[in-house]
Amino acid sequence: MWTNCYHLYPAHAAFGGYKQSGVGRENHKMMLAHYQNVKNLLVSYDENPMGFF
């Protein structure tokens, strides 16, 4: 139910229904962990070239 606004809800609030009803419960920030992978990027700022290993 909205009062004096339309479709206003906190971004971290889970909402929706089950099966094909609504958006589902995947709007919560904790659900992002299921779609994320940890990756590393190592950057050398050394002007001299490094060996392969």
Protein backbone atom coordinates (compact mmCIF):
# COMPACT_ATOMS: atom_id res chain seq x y z
CA MET A 1 0.00 0.00 0.00
CA TRP A 2 1.35 3.40 -0.92
CA THR A 3 0.35 6.70 0.66
CA ASN A 4 1.15 9.98 -1.11
CA CYS A 5 3.57 8.18 -3.40
CA TYR A 6 3.60 5.46 -6.02
CA HIS A 7 5.77 2.36 -5.93
CA LEU A 8 8.16 3.85 -3.39
CA TYR A 9 9.98 1.29 -1.27
CA PRO A 10 13.49 0.93 0.16
CA ALA A 11 15.94 -0.71 -2.22
CA HIS A 12 16.89 -3.28 0.42
CA ALA A 13 13.31 -4.37 1.11
CA ALA A 14 12.30 -7.79 -0.17
CA PHE A 15 8.93 -7.76 -1.86
CA GLY A 16 6.87 -9.67 -4.34
CA GLY A 17 5.11 -12.97 -4.38
CA TYR A 18 5.81 -16.56 -5.23
CA LYS A 19 6.13 -18.28 -8.60
CA GLN A 20 4.90 -15.87 -11.30
CA SER A 21 3.48 -13.34 -8.82
CA GLY A 22 5.29 -10.01 -8.70
CA VAL A 23 9.03 -9.47 -8.99
CA GLY A 24 9.91 -12.08 -6.39
CA ARG A 25 12.25 -11.86 -3.47
CA GLU A 26 15.40 -11.14 -5.47
CA ASN A 27 15.34 -7.37 -4.97
CA HIS A 28 17.16 -7.62 -1.64
CA LYS A 29 20.85 -6.70 -1.50
CA MET A 30 21.65 -10.07 0.09
CA MET A 31 20.42 -11.80 -3.07
CA LEU A 32 23.21 -10.14 -5.06
CA ALA A 33 25.68 -12.57 -3.49
CA HIS A 34 24.16 -15.35 -5.59
CA TYR A 35 25.05 -13.47 -8.78
CA GLN A 36 28.52 -12.23 -7.85
CA ASN A 37 31.95 -13.81 -8.21
CA VAL A 38 35.13 -12.59 -6.57
CA LYS A 39 37.85 -11.66 -9.05
CA ASN A 40 41.29 -10.14 -8.60
CA LEU A 41 43.13 -7.72 -10.82
CA LEU A 42 46.82 -7.23 -10.14
CA VAL A 43 48.42 -4.15 -11.69
CA SER A 44 52.13 -3.43 -11.63
CA TYR A 45 53.21 0.18 -11.98
CA ASP A 46 56.85 -0.81 -12.36
CA GLU A 47 58.31 0.59 -15.60
CA ASN A 48 60.66 -2.40 -15.97
CA PRO A 49 59.19 -5.49 -17.62
CA MET A 50 58.63 -8.47 -15.38
CA GLY A 51 59.42 -12.08 -16.19
CA PHE A 52 56.66 -14.49 -17.08
CA PHE A 53 56.76 -16.06 -13.58
